[in-house]
Amino acid sequence: VQLQASGGGLVQPGGSLRLSCAASGFGFSVSLMGWYRQAPGKQRELVAQITSGGLAVYADSVSGRFTISRDNTKNTVTLQMNSLKPEDTAVYYCSRVPPYNSWGQGTLVTVSS
């Protein structure tokens, strides 16, 4: 299983970022996929998930600001993040839901002025 997240960076509060994840080594098109994040000193949490058919569910903390999507032809999943807040600062990972302990390197998102 390989999961490569990209697209992180430094952004000001209120700004936007788009994260991408390339997946391989498992049945991506039939898998429930998710974006997780881990802030400094906190446990990793699931912030968005999407079914193979495109139905999405969000954590309350990001609902209305983040949008998850997927392309089953390219084995990719994306996370569009708008109206970013300092509390969104974290390393973001994509994986299956549940993750079966398969994690890529993640991508760091820093929201700061």
PDB file of N, CA and C in Angstrom:
ATOM      1  N   VAL A   1       0.854  -1.194   0.000  1.00  0.00           N
ATOM      2  CA  VAL A   1       0.000   0.000   0.000  1.00  0.00           C
ATOM      3  C   VAL A   1       0.886   1.238   0.000  1.00  0.00           C
ATOM      4  N   GLN A   2       0.605   2.142  -0.945  1.00  0.00           N
ATOM      5  CA  GLN A   2       1.329   3.413  -0.989  1.00  0.00           C
ATOM      6  C   GLN A   2       0.331   4.561  -1.026  1.00  0.00           C
ATOM      7  N   LEU A   3       0.598   5.557  -0.181  1.00  0.00           N
ATOM      8  CA  LEU A   3      -0.264   6.725  -0.082  1.00  0.00           C
ATOM      9  C   LEU A   3       0.637   7.947  -0.032  1.00  0.00           C
ATOM     10  N   GLN A   4       0.528   8.808  -1.022  1.00  0.00           N
ATOM     11  CA  GLN A   4       1.394   9.974  -1.105  1.00  0.00           C
ATOM     12  C   GLN A   4       0.549  11.236  -1.128  1.00  0.00           C
ATOM     13  N   ALA A   5       0.601  11.962  -0.040  1.00  0.00           N
ATOM     14  CA  ALA A   5      -0.141  13.223   0.061  1.00  0.00           C
ATOM     15  C   ALA A   5       0.760  14.384  -0.334  1.00  0.00           C
ATOM     16  N   SER A   6       0.172  15.401  -0.947  1.00  0.00           N
ATOM     17  CA  SER A   6       0.920  16.583  -1.354  1.00  0.00           C
ATOM     18  C   SER A   6       0.002  17.794  -1.350  1.00  0.00           C
ATOM     19  N   GLY A   7       0.610  18.987  -1.457  1.00  0.00           N
ATOM     20  CA  GLY A   7      -0.164  20.202  -1.569  1.00  0.00           C
ATOM     21  C   GLY A   7      -0.191  21.081  -0.348  1.00  0.00           C
ATOM     22  N   GLY A   8       0.447  20.650   0.725  1.00  0.00           N
ATOM     23  CA  GLY A   8       0.473  21.451   1.932  1.00  0.00           C
ATOM     24  C   GLY A   8       1.357  22.677   1.783  1.00  0.00           C
ATOM     25  N   GLY A   9       1.310  23.528   2.802  1.00  0.00           N
ATOM     26  CA  GLY A   9       2.130  24.732   2.775  1.00  0.00           C
ATOM     27  C   GLY A   9       1.691  25.702   3.842  1.00  0.00           C
ATOM     28  N   LEU A  10       2.221  26.906   3.744  1.00  0.00           N
ATOM     29  CA  LEU A  10       1.889  27.982   4.675  1.00  0.00           C
ATOM     30  C   LEU A  10       0.833  28.885   4.033  1.00  0.00           C
ATOM     31  N   VAL A  11      -0.229  29.129   4.759  1.00  0.00           N
ATOM     32  CA  VAL A  11      -1.318  29.965   4.252  1.00  0.00           C
ATOM     33  C   VAL A  11      -1.834  30.849   5.375  1.00  0.00           C
ATOM     34  N   GLN A  12      -2.304  32.028   5.014  1.00  0.00           N
ATOM     35  CA  GLN A  12      -2.851  32.936   6.003  1.00  0.00           C
ATOM     36  C   GLN A  12      -4.259  32.516   6.392  1.00  0.00           C
ATOM     37  N   PRO A  13      -4.699  32.878   7.583  1.00  0.00           N
ATOM     38  CA  PRO A  13      -6.079  32.601   7.975  1.00  0.00           C
ATOM     39  C   PRO A  13      -7.051  33.153   6.937  1.00  0.00           C
ATOM     40  N   GLY A  14      -8.059  32.353   6.633  1.00  0.00           N
ATOM     41  CA  GLY A  14      -9.018  32.710   5.602  1.00  0.00           C
ATOM     42  C   GLY A  14      -8.642  32.241   4.212  1.00  0.00           C
ATOM     43  N   GLY A  15      -7.443  31.742   4.054  1.00  0.00           N
ATOM     44  CA  GLY A  15      -6.967  31.291   2.759  1.00  0.00           C
ATOM     45  C   GLY A  15      -7.417  29.879   2.414  1.00  0.00           C
ATOM     46  N   SER A  16      -6.930  29.402   1.275  1.00  0.00           N
ATOM     47  CA  SER A  16      -7.323  28.085   0.766  1.00  0.00           C
ATOM     48  C   SER A  16      -6.103  27.272   0.361  1.00  0.00           C
ATOM     49  N   LEU A  17      -6.262  25.959   0.452  1.00  0.00           N
ATOM     50  CA  LEU A  17      -5.277  25.014  -0.050  1.00  0.00           C
ATOM     51  C   LEU A  17      -6.010  23.820  -0.624  1.00  0.00           C
ATOM     52  N   ARG A  18      -5.355  23.158  -1.570  1.00  0.00           N
ATOM     53  CA  ARG A  18      -5.911  21.941  -2.142  1.00  0.00           C
ATOM     54  C   ARG A  18      -4.890  20.822  -1.977  1.00  0.00           C
ATOM     55  N   LEU A  19      -5.264  19.808  -1.227  1.00  0.00           N
ATOM     56  CA  LEU A  19      -4.397  18.651  -1.002  1.00  0.00           C
ATOM     57  C   LEU A  19      -4.768  17.534  -1.975  1.00  0.00           C
ATOM     58  N   SER A  20      -3.747  16.804  -2.406  1.00  0.00           N
ATOM     59  CA  SER A  20      -3.964  15.662  -3.280  1.00  0.00           C
ATOM     60  C   SER A  20      -3.296  14.422  -2.706  1.00  0.00           C
ATOM     61  N   CYS A  21      -3.848  13.276  -3.029  1.00  0.00           N
ATOM     62  CA  CYS A  21      -3.286  12.015  -2.558  1.00  0.00           C
ATOM     63  C   CYS A  21      -3.338  11.002  -3.685  1.00  0.00           C
ATOM     64  N   ALA A  22      -2.189  10.392  -3.948  1.00  0.00           N
ATOM     65  CA  ALA A  22      -2.101   9.318  -4.929  1.00  0.00           C
ATOM     66  C   ALA A  22      -1.994   7.999  -4.186  1.00  0.00           C
ATOM     67  N   ALA A  23      -2.850   7.064  -4.531  1.00  0.00           N
ATOM     68  CA  ALA A  23      -2.913   5.793  -3.817  1.00  0.00           C
ATOM     69  C   ALA A  23      -2.636   4.632  -4.764  1.00  0.00           C
ATOM     70  N   SER A  24      -2.029   3.581  -4.222  1.00  0.00           N
ATOM     71  CA  SER A  24      -1.784   2.382  -5.009  1.00  0.00           C
ATOM     72  C   SER A  24      -1.579   1.195  -4.091  1.00  0.00           C
ATOM     73  N   GLY A  25      -1.686   0.005  -4.659  1.00  0.00           N
ATOM     74  CA  GLY A  25      -1.404  -1.196  -3.903  1.00  0.00           C
ATOM     75  C   GLY A  25      -2.593  -1.830  -3.218  1.00  0.00           C
ATOM     76  N   PHE A  26      -3.778  -1.316  -3.488  1.00  0.00           N
ATOM     77  CA  PHE A  26      -4.989  -1.909  -2.913  1.00  0.00           C
ATOM     78  C   PHE A  26      -6.164  -1.529  -3.817  1.00  0.00           C
ATOM     79  N   GLY A  27      -7.330  -2.053  -3.516  1.00  0.00           N
ATOM     80  CA  GLY A  27      -8.510  -1.788  -4.333  1.00  0.00           C
ATOM     81  C   GLY A  27      -9.093  -0.406  -4.093  1.00  0.00           C
ATOM     82  N   PHE A  28      -8.445   0.588  -4.626  1.00  0.00           N
ATOM     83  CA  PHE A  28      -8.851   1.969  -4.357  1.00  0.00           C
ATOM     84  C   PHE A  28     -10.303   2.222  -4.716  1.00  0.00           C
ATOM     85  N   SER A  29     -10.726   1.794  -5.876  1.00  0.00           N
ATOM     86  CA  SER A  29     -12.057   2.167  -6.367  1.00  0.00           C
ATOM     87  C   SER A  29     -13.191   1.630  -5.511  1.00  0.00           C
ATOM     88  N   VAL A  30     -12.920   0.608  -4.708  1.00  0.00           N
ATOM     89  CA  VAL A  30     -13.973   0.042  -3.856  1.00  0.00           C
ATOM     90  C   VAL A  30     -13.762   0.382  -2.387  1.00  0.00           C
ATOM     91  N   SER A  31     -12.776   1.218  -2.120  1.00  0.00           N
ATOM     92  CA  SER A  31     -12.419   1.542  -0.738  1.00  0.00           C
ATOM     93  C   SER A  31     -13.013   2.860  -0.272  1.00  0.00           C
ATOM     94  N   LEU A  32     -13.439   2.862   0.985  1.00  0.00           N
ATOM     95  CA  LEU A  32     -13.811   4.100   1.659  1.00  0.00           C
ATOM     96  C   LEU A  32     -12.507   4.829   1.976  1.00  0.00           C
ATOM     97  N   MET A  33     -12.382   6.070   1.510  1.00  0.00           N
ATOM     98  CA  MET A  33     -11.150   6.831   1.679  1.00  0.00           C
ATOM     99  C   MET A  33     -11.379   8.029   2.589  1.00  0.00           C
ATOM    100  N   GLY A  34     -10.322   8.458   3.238  1.00  0.00           N
ATOM    101  CA  GLY A  34     -10.467   9.576   4.147  1.00  0.00           C
ATOM    102  C   GLY A  34      -9.221  10.436   4.218  1.00  0.00           C
ATOM    103  N   TRP A  35      -9.418  11.647   4.681  1.00  0.00           N
ATOM    104  CA  TRP A  35      -8.328  12.544   5.050  1.00  0.00           C
ATOM    105  C   TRP A  35      -8.315  12.662   6.564  1.00  0.00           C
ATOM    106  N   TYR A  36      -7.131  12.485   7.107  1.00  0.00           N
ATOM    107  CA  TYR A  36      -6.919  12.591   8.538  1.00  0.00           C
ATOM    108  C   TYR A  36      -5.943  13.741   8.788  1.00  0.00           C
ATOM    109  N   ARG A  37      -5.898  14.199  10.024  1.00  0.00           N
ATOM    110  CA  ARG A  37      -4.899  15.195  10.385  1.00  0.00           C
ATOM    111  C   ARG A  37      -4.434  14.978  11.812  1.00  0.00           C
ATOM    112  N   GLN A  38      -3.206  15.391  12.052  1.00  0.00           N
ATOM    113  CA  GLN A  38      -2.646  15.307  13.390  1.00  0.00           C
ATOM    114  C   GLN A  38      -1.952  16.616  13.716  1.00  0.00           C
ATOM    115  N   ALA A  39      -2.521  17.320  14.666  1.00  0.00           N
ATOM    116  CA  ALA A  39      -1.945  18.570  15.128  1.00  0.00           C
ATOM    117  C   ALA A  39      -0.902  18.283  16.202  1.00  0.00           C
ATOM    118  N   PRO A  40       0.022  19.206  16.413  1.00  0.00           N
ATOM    119  CA  PRO A  40       1.053  18.985  17.437  1.00  0.00           C
ATOM    120  C   PRO A  40       0.447  18.689  18.794  1.00  0.00           C
ATOM    121  N   GLY A  41       0.883  17.610  19.405  1.00  0.00           N
ATOM    122  CA  GLY A  41       0.417  17.253  20.725  1.00  0.00           C
ATOM    123  C   GLY A  41      -0.969  16.643  20.792  1.00  0.00           C
ATOM    124  N   LYS A  42      -1.551  16.370  19.634  1.00  0.00           N
ATOM    125  CA  LYS A  42      -2.908  15.815  19.607  1.00  0.00           C
ATOM    126  C   LYS A  42      -2.942  14.491  18.854  1.00  0.00           C
ATOM    127  N   GLN A  43      -4.017  13.751  19.074  1.00  0.00           N
ATOM    128  CA  GLN A  43      -4.187  12.491  18.359  1.00  0.00           C
ATOM    129  C   GLN A  43      -4.627  12.746  16.916  1.00  0.00           C
ATOM    130  N   ARG A  44      -4.315  11.795  16.070  1.00  0.00           N
ATOM    131  CA  ARG A  44      -4.752  11.872  14.690  1.00  0.00           C
ATOM    132  C   ARG A  44      -6.278  11.754  14.632  1.00  0.00           C
ATOM    133  N   GLU A  45      -6.905  12.563  13.797  1.00  0.00           N
ATOM    134  CA  GLU A  45      -8.356  12.543  13.680  1.00  0.00           C
ATOM    135  C   GLU A  45      -8.777  12.491  12.223  1.00  0.00           C
ATOM    136  N   LEU A  46      -9.915  11.865  11.994  1.00  0.00           N
ATOM    137  CA  LEU A  46     -10.498  11.782  10.661  1.00  0.00           C
ATOM    138  C   LEU A  46     -11.326  13.041  10.422  1.00  0.00           C
ATOM    139  N   VAL A  47     -11.037  13.782   9.362  1.00  0.00           N
ATOM    140  CA  VAL A  47     -11.767  15.030   9.119  1.00  0.00           C
ATOM    141  C   VAL A  47     -12.743  14.919   7.953  1.00  0.00           C
ATOM    142  N   ALA A  48     -12.506  13.995   7.028  1.00  0.00           N
ATOM    143  CA  ALA A  48     -13.411  13.848   5.890  1.00  0.00           C
ATOM    144  C   ALA A  48     -13.262  12.442   5.323  1.00  0.00           C
ATOM    145  N   GLN A  49     -14.373  11.885   4.872  1.00  0.00           N
ATOM    146  CA  GLN A  49     -14.335  10.574   4.252  1.00  0.00           C
ATOM    147  C   GLN A  49     -15.281  10.541   3.075  1.00  0.00           C
ATOM    148  N   ILE A  50     -14.989   9.658   2.134  1.00  0.00           N
ATOM    149  CA  ILE A  50     -15.783   9.595   0.910  1.00  0.00           C
ATOM    150  C   ILE A  50     -15.916   8.146   0.475  1.00  0.00           C
ATOM    151  N   THR A  51     -17.135   7.753   0.123  1.00  0.00           N
ATOM    152  CA  THR A  51     -17.380   6.390  -0.328  1.00  0.00           C
ATOM    153  C   THR A  51     -16.896   6.215  -1.760  1.00  0.00           C
ATOM    154  N   SER A  52     -16.881   4.975  -2.200  1.00  0.00           N
ATOM    155  CA  SER A  52     -16.462   4.702  -3.575  1.00  0.00           C
ATOM    156  C   SER A  52     -17.363   5.408  -4.586  1.00  0.00           C
ATOM    157  N   GLY A  53     -18.602   5.646  -4.200  1.00  0.00           N
ATOM    158  CA  GLY A  53     -19.546   6.308  -5.085  1.00  0.00           C
ATOM    159  C   GLY A  53     -19.591   7.814  -4.947  1.00  0.00           C
ATOM    160  N   GLY A  54     -18.789   8.363  -4.025  1.00  0.00           N
ATOM    161  CA  GLY A  54     -18.685   9.810  -3.921  1.00  0.00           C
ATOM    162  C   GLY A  54     -19.489  10.475  -2.819  1.00  0.00           C
ATOM    163  N   LEU A  55     -20.071   9.706  -1.922  1.00  0.00           N
ATOM    164  CA  LEU A  55     -20.795  10.307  -0.803  1.00  0.00           C
ATOM    165  C   LEU A  55     -19.798  10.698   0.276  1.00  0.00           C
ATOM    166  N   ALA A  56     -19.901  11.930   0.758  1.00  0.00           N
ATOM    167  CA  ALA A  56     -18.913  12.464   1.693  1.00  0.00           C
ATOM    168  C   ALA A  56     -19.523  12.761   3.056  1.00  0.00           C
ATOM    169  N   VAL A  57     -18.690  12.597   4.083  1.00  0.00           N
ATOM    170  CA  VAL A  57     -19.055  12.932   5.449  1.00  0.00           C
ATOM    171  C   VAL A  57     -17.886  13.707   6.052  1.00  0.00           C
ATOM    172  N   TYR A  58     -18.214  14.734   6.838  1.00  0.00           N
ATOM    173  CA  TYR A  58     -17.190  15.611   7.388  1.00  0.00           C
ATOM    174  C   TYR A  58     -17.285  15.701   8.903  1.00  0.00           C
ATOM    175  N   ALA A  59     -16.149  15.927   9.530  1.00  0.00           N
ATOM    176  CA  ALA A  59     -16.139  16.256  10.943  1.00  0.00           C
ATOM    177  C   ALA A  59     -16.776  17.630  11.124  1.00  0.00           C
ATOM    178  N   ASP A  60     -17.386  17.843  12.264  1.00  0.00           N
ATOM    179  CA  ASP A  60     -18.046  19.125  12.522  1.00  0.00           C
ATOM    180  C   ASP A  60     -17.073  20.300  12.388  1.00  0.00           C
ATOM    181  N   SER A  61     -15.832  20.071  12.752  1.00  0.00           N
ATOM    182  CA  SER A  61     -14.849  21.149  12.764  1.00  0.00           C
ATOM    183  C   SER A  61     -14.509  21.670  11.364  1.00  0.00           C
ATOM    184  N   VAL A  62     -14.782  20.889  10.323  1.00  0.00           N
ATOM    185  CA  VAL A  62     -14.434  21.316   8.964  1.00  0.00           C
ATOM    186  C   VAL A  62     -15.642  21.398   8.046  1.00  0.00           C
ATOM    187  N   SER A  63     -16.786  20.962   8.516  1.00  0.00           N
ATOM    188  CA  SER A  63     -17.986  20.957   7.677  1.00  0.00           C
ATOM    189  C   SER A  63     -18.287  22.361   7.169  1.00  0.00           C
ATOM    190  N   GLY A  64     -18.559  22.448   5.882  1.00  0.00           N
ATOM    191  CA  GLY A  64     -18.856  23.735   5.266  1.00  0.00           C
ATOM    192  C   GLY A  64     -17.638  24.470   4.767  1.00  0.00           C
ATOM    193  N   ARG A  65     -16.448  23.988   5.127  1.00  0.00           N
ATOM    194  CA  ARG A  65     -15.209  24.638   4.689  1.00  0.00           C
ATOM    195  C   ARG A  65     -14.342  23.720   3.821  1.00  0.00           C
ATOM    196  N   PHE A  66     -14.388  22.442   4.100  1.00  0.00           N
ATOM    197  CA  PHE A  66     -13.578  21.459   3.368  1.00  0.00           C
ATOM    198  C   PHE A  66     -14.472  20.648   2.442  1.00  0.00           C
ATOM    199  N   THR A  67     -13.906  20.235   1.304  1.00  0.00           N
ATOM    200  CA  THR A  67     -14.608  19.373   0.366  1.00  0.00           C
ATOM    201  C   THR A  67     -13.681  18.246  -0.083  1.00  0.00           C
ATOM    202  N   ILE A  68     -14.135  17.023   0.113  1.00  0.00           N
ATOM    203  CA  ILE A  68     -13.360  15.862  -0.320  1.00  0.00           C
ATOM    204  C   ILE A  68     -13.928  15.357  -1.633  1.00  0.00           C
ATOM    205  N   SER A  69     -13.047  14.901  -2.509  1.00  0.00           N
ATOM    206  CA  SER A  69     -13.479  14.319  -3.772  1.00  0.00           C
ATOM    207  C   SER A  69     -12.496  13.228  -4.175  1.00  0.00           C
ATOM    208  N   ARG A  70     -12.878  12.436  -5.164  1.00  0.00           N
ATOM    209  CA  ARG A  70     -12.011  11.350  -5.592  1.00  0.00           C
ATOM    210  C   ARG A  70     -12.162  11.103  -7.082  1.00  0.00           C
ATOM    211  N   ASP A  71     -11.129  10.514  -7.657  1.00  0.00           N
ATOM    212  CA  ASP A  71     -11.155  10.105  -9.057  1.00  0.00           C
ATOM    213  C   ASP A  71     -10.738   8.638  -9.106  1.00  0.00           C
ATOM    214  N   ASN A  72     -11.698   7.756  -9.288  1.00  0.00           N
ATOM    215  CA  ASN A  72     -11.413   6.329  -9.269  1.00  0.00           C
ATOM    216  C   ASN A  72     -10.658   5.856 -10.508  1.00  0.00           C
ATOM    217  N   THR A  73     -10.606   6.682 -11.534  1.00  0.00           N
ATOM    218  CA  THR A  73      -9.843   6.309 -12.732  1.00  0.00           C
ATOM    219  C   THR A  73      -8.358   6.604 -12.546  1.00  0.00           C
ATOM    220  N   LYS A  74      -8.062   7.536 -11.639  1.00  0.00           N
ATOM    221  CA  LYS A  74      -6.668   7.929 -11.401  1.00  0.00           C
ATOM    222  C   LYS A  74      -6.165   7.518 -10.017  1.00  0.00           C
ATOM    223  N   ASN A  75      -7.021   6.890  -9.228  1.00  0.00           N
ATOM    224  CA  ASN A  75      -6.664   6.500  -7.854  1.00  0.00           C
ATOM    225  C   ASN A  75      -6.171   7.686  -7.032  1.00  0.00           C
ATOM    226  N   THR A  76      -6.923   8.762  -7.111  1.00  0.00           N
ATOM    227  CA  THR A  76      -6.565   9.951  -6.350  1.00  0.00           C
ATOM    228  C   THR A  76      -7.733  10.441  -5.517  1.00  0.00           C
ATOM    229  N   VAL A  77      -7.409  11.066  -4.414  1.00  0.00           N
ATOM    230  CA  VAL A  77      -8.411  11.705  -3.569  1.00  0.00           C
ATOM    231  C   VAL A  77      -7.887  13.092  -3.201  1.00  0.00           C
ATOM    232  N   THR A  78      -8.753  14.080  -3.215  1.00  0.00           N
ATOM    233  CA  THR A  78      -8.348  15.451  -2.958  1.00  0.00           C
ATOM    234  C   THR A  78      -9.138  16.039  -1.790  1.00  0.00           C
ATOM    235  N   LEU A  79      -8.583  17.064  -1.208  1.00  0.00           N
ATOM    236  CA  LEU A  79      -9.245  17.792  -0.130  1.00  0.00           C
ATOM    237  C   LEU A  79      -9.082  19.283  -0.409  1.00  0.00           C
ATOM    238  N   GLN A  80     -10.178  19.924  -0.774  1.00  0.00           N
ATOM    239  CA  GLN A  80     -10.188  21.368  -0.965  1.00  0.00           C
ATOM    240  C   GLN A  80     -10.510  22.009   0.379  1.00  0.00           C
ATOM    241  N   MET A  81      -9.607  22.854   0.845  1.00  0.00           N
ATOM    242  CA  MET A  81      -9.757  23.473   2.154  1.00  0.00           C
ATOM    243  C   MET A  81      -9.890  24.981   1.983  1.00  0.00           C
ATOM    244  N   ASN A  82     -11.018  25.508   2.381  1.00  0.00           N
ATOM    245  CA  ASN A  82     -11.284  26.944   2.296  1.00  0.00           C
ATOM    246  C   ASN A  82     -11.475  27.524   3.692  1.00  0.00           C
ATOM    247  N   SER A  83     -11.410  28.840   3.774  1.00  0.00           N
ATOM    248  CA  SER A  83     -11.619  29.543   5.051  1.00  0.00           C
ATOM    249  C   SER A  83     -10.776  28.928   6.164  1.00  0.00           C
ATOM    250  N   LEU A  84      -9.523  28.715   5.873  1.00  0.00           N
ATOM    251  CA  LEU A  84      -8.651  28.032   6.826  1.00  0.00           C
ATOM    252  C   LEU A  84      -8.454  28.854   8.091  1.00  0.00           C
ATOM    253  N   LYS A  85      -8.328  28.128   9.204  1.00  0.00           N
ATOM    254  CA  LYS A  85      -8.157  28.724  10.518  1.00  0.00           C
ATOM    255  C   LYS A  85      -6.834  28.244  11.119  1.00  0.00           C
ATOM    256  N   PRO A  86      -6.282  28.991  12.048  1.00  0.00           N
ATOM    257  CA  PRO A  86      -5.041  28.527  12.700  1.00  0.00           C
ATOM    258  C   PRO A  86      -5.179  27.123  13.299  1.00  0.00           C
ATOM    259  N   GLU A  87      -6.344  26.786  13.777  1.00  0.00           N
ATOM    260  CA  GLU A  87      -6.554  25.462  14.370  1.00  0.00           C
ATOM    261  C   GLU A  87      -6.586  24.338  13.345  1.00  0.00           C
ATOM    262  N   ASP A  88      -6.539  24.675  12.061  1.00  0.00           N
ATOM    263  CA  ASP A  88      -6.422  23.653  11.019  1.00  0.00           C
ATOM    264  C   ASP A  88      -4.967  23.238  10.802  1.00  0.00           C
ATOM    265  N   THR A  89      -4.041  23.916  11.449  1.00  0.00           N
ATOM    266  CA  THR A  89      -2.629  23.575  11.330  1.00  0.00           C
ATOM    267  C   THR A  89      -2.385  22.145  11.809  1.00  0.00           C
ATOM    268  N   ALA A  90      -1.801  21.329  10.924  1.00  0.00           N
ATOM    269  CA  ALA A  90      -1.586  19.916  11.220  1.00  0.00           C
ATOM    270  C   ALA A  90      -0.861  19.268  10.051  1.00  0.00           C
ATOM    271  N   VAL A  91      -0.411  18.050  10.282  1.00  0.00           N
ATOM    272  CA  VAL A  91       0.026  17.196   9.181  1.00  0.00           C
ATOM    273  C   VAL A  91      -1.194  16.432   8.700  1.00  0.00           C
ATOM    274  N   TYR A  92      -1.444  16.495   7.411  1.00  0.00           N
ATOM    275  CA  TYR A  92      -2.605  15.849   6.813  1.00  0.00           C
ATOM    276  C   TYR A  92      -2.186  14.578   6.082  1.00  0.00           C
ATOM    277  N   TYR A  93      -2.960  13.530   6.306  1.00  0.00           N
ATOM    278  CA  TYR A  93      -2.711  12.230   5.701  1.00  0.00           C
ATOM    279  C   TYR A  93      -3.973  11.736   4.995  1.00  0.00           C
ATOM    280  N   CYS A  94      -3.776  10.980   3.951  1.00  0.00           N
ATOM    281  CA  CYS A  94      -4.910  10.261   3.383  1.00  0.00           C
ATOM    282  C   CYS A  94      -4.714   8.775   3.652  1.00  0.00           C
ATOM    283  N   SER A  95      -5.805   8.068   3.784  1.00  0.00           N
ATOM    284  CA  SER A  95      -5.758   6.630   3.956  1.00  0.00           C
ATOM    285  C   SER A  95      -7.146   6.061   3.767  1.00  0.00           C
ATOM    286  N   ARG A  96      -7.235   4.770   3.912  1.00  0.00           N
ATOM    287  CA  ARG A  96      -8.531   4.131   3.909  1.00  0.00           C
ATOM    288  C   ARG A  96      -9.222   4.385   5.245  1.00  0.00           C
ATOM    289  N   VAL A  97     -10.494   4.092   5.272  1.00  0.00           N
ATOM    290  CA  VAL A  97     -11.261   4.192   6.501  1.00  0.00           C
ATOM    291  C   VAL A  97     -11.855   2.807   6.775  1.00  0.00           C
ATOM    292  N   PRO A  98     -11.433   2.100   7.842  1.00  0.00           N
ATOM    293  CA  PRO A  98     -10.334   2.450   8.723  1.00  0.00           C
ATOM    294  C   PRO A  98      -9.000   2.333   7.998  1.00  0.00           C
ATOM    295  N   PRO A  99      -7.930   2.844   8.559  1.00  0.00           N
ATOM    296  CA  PRO A  99      -6.655   2.928   7.858  1.00  0.00           C
ATOM    297  C   PRO A  99      -5.853   1.638   7.789  1.00  0.00           C
ATOM    298  N   TYR A 100      -6.226   0.634   8.584  1.00  0.00           N
ATOM    299  CA  TYR A 100      -5.470  -0.624   8.594  1.00  0.00           C
ATOM    300  C   TYR A 100      -3.979  -0.360   8.777  1.00  0.00           C
ATOM    301  N   ASN A 101      -3.665   0.666   9.542  1.00  0.00           N
ATOM    302  CA  ASN A 101      -2.296   1.054   9.874  1.00  0.00           C
ATOM    303  C   ASN A 101      -1.446   1.349   8.642  1.00  0.00           C
ATOM    304  N   SER A 102      -2.061   1.817   7.583  1.00  0.00           N
ATOM    305  CA  SER A 102      -1.337   2.198   6.366  1.00  0.00           C
ATOM    306  C   SER A 102      -1.340   3.708   6.247  1.00  0.00           C
ATOM    307  N   TRP A 103      -0.155   4.280   6.399  1.00  0.00           N
ATOM    308  CA  TRP A 103      -0.008   5.731   6.349  1.00  0.00           C
ATOM    309  C   TRP A 103       1.135   6.101   5.428  1.00  0.00           C
ATOM    310  N   GLY A 104       0.928   7.174   4.689  1.00  0.00           N
ATOM    311  CA  GLY A 104       2.017   7.758   3.922  1.00  0.00           C
ATOM    312  C   GLY A 104       2.719   8.794   4.774  1.00  0.00           C
ATOM    313  N   GLN A 105       3.522   9.636   4.130  1.00  0.00           N
ATOM    314  CA  GLN A 105       4.311  10.623   4.864  1.00  0.00           C
ATOM    315  C   GLN A 105       3.493  11.820   5.315  1.00  0.00           C
ATOM    316  N   GLY A 106       2.380  12.087   4.697  1.00  0.00           N
ATOM    317  CA  GLY A 106       1.578  13.244   5.063  1.00  0.00           C
ATOM    318  C   GLY A 106       2.123  14.526   4.479  1.00  0.00           C
ATOM    319  N   THR A 107       1.336  15.580   4.606  1.00  0.00           N
ATOM    320  CA  THR A 107       1.748  16.893   4.113  1.00  0.00           C
ATOM    321  C   THR A 107       1.365  17.934   5.152  1.00  0.00           C
ATOM    322  N   LEU A 108       2.294  18.838   5.438  1.00  0.00           N
ATOM    323  CA  LEU A 108       2.117  19.802   6.519  1.00  0.00           C
ATOM    324  C   LEU A 108       1.345  21.031   6.028  1.00  0.00           C
ATOM    325  N   VAL A 109       0.312  21.359   6.767  1.00  0.00           N
ATOM    326  CA  VAL A 109      -0.465  22.574   6.523  1.00  0.00           C
ATOM    327  C   VAL A 109      -0.279  23.488   7.720  1.00  0.00           C
ATOM    328  N   THR A 110       0.177  24.706   7.456  1.00  0.00           N
ATOM    329  CA  THR A 110       0.369  25.693   8.507  1.00  0.00           C
ATOM    330  C   THR A 110      -0.471  26.914   8.184  1.00  0.00           C
ATOM    331  N   VAL A 111      -1.368  27.244   9.096  1.00  0.00           N
ATOM    332  CA  VAL A 111      -2.229  28.416   8.913  1.00  0.00           C
ATOM    333  C   VAL A 111      -1.795  29.467   9.923  1.00  0.00           C
ATOM    334  N   SER A 112      -1.202  30.527   9.413  1.00  0.00           N
ATOM    335  CA  SER A 112      -0.636  31.536  10.291  1.00  0.00           C
ATOM    336  C   SER A 112      -0.465  32.846   9.539  1.00  0.00           C
ATOM    337  N   SER A 113      -0.611  33.927  10.278  1.00  0.00           N
ATOM    338  CA  SER A 113      -0.382  35.241   9.683  1.00  0.00           C
ATOM    339  C   SER A 113       1.057  35.685   9.917  1.00  0.00           C
TER     340      SER A 113
END
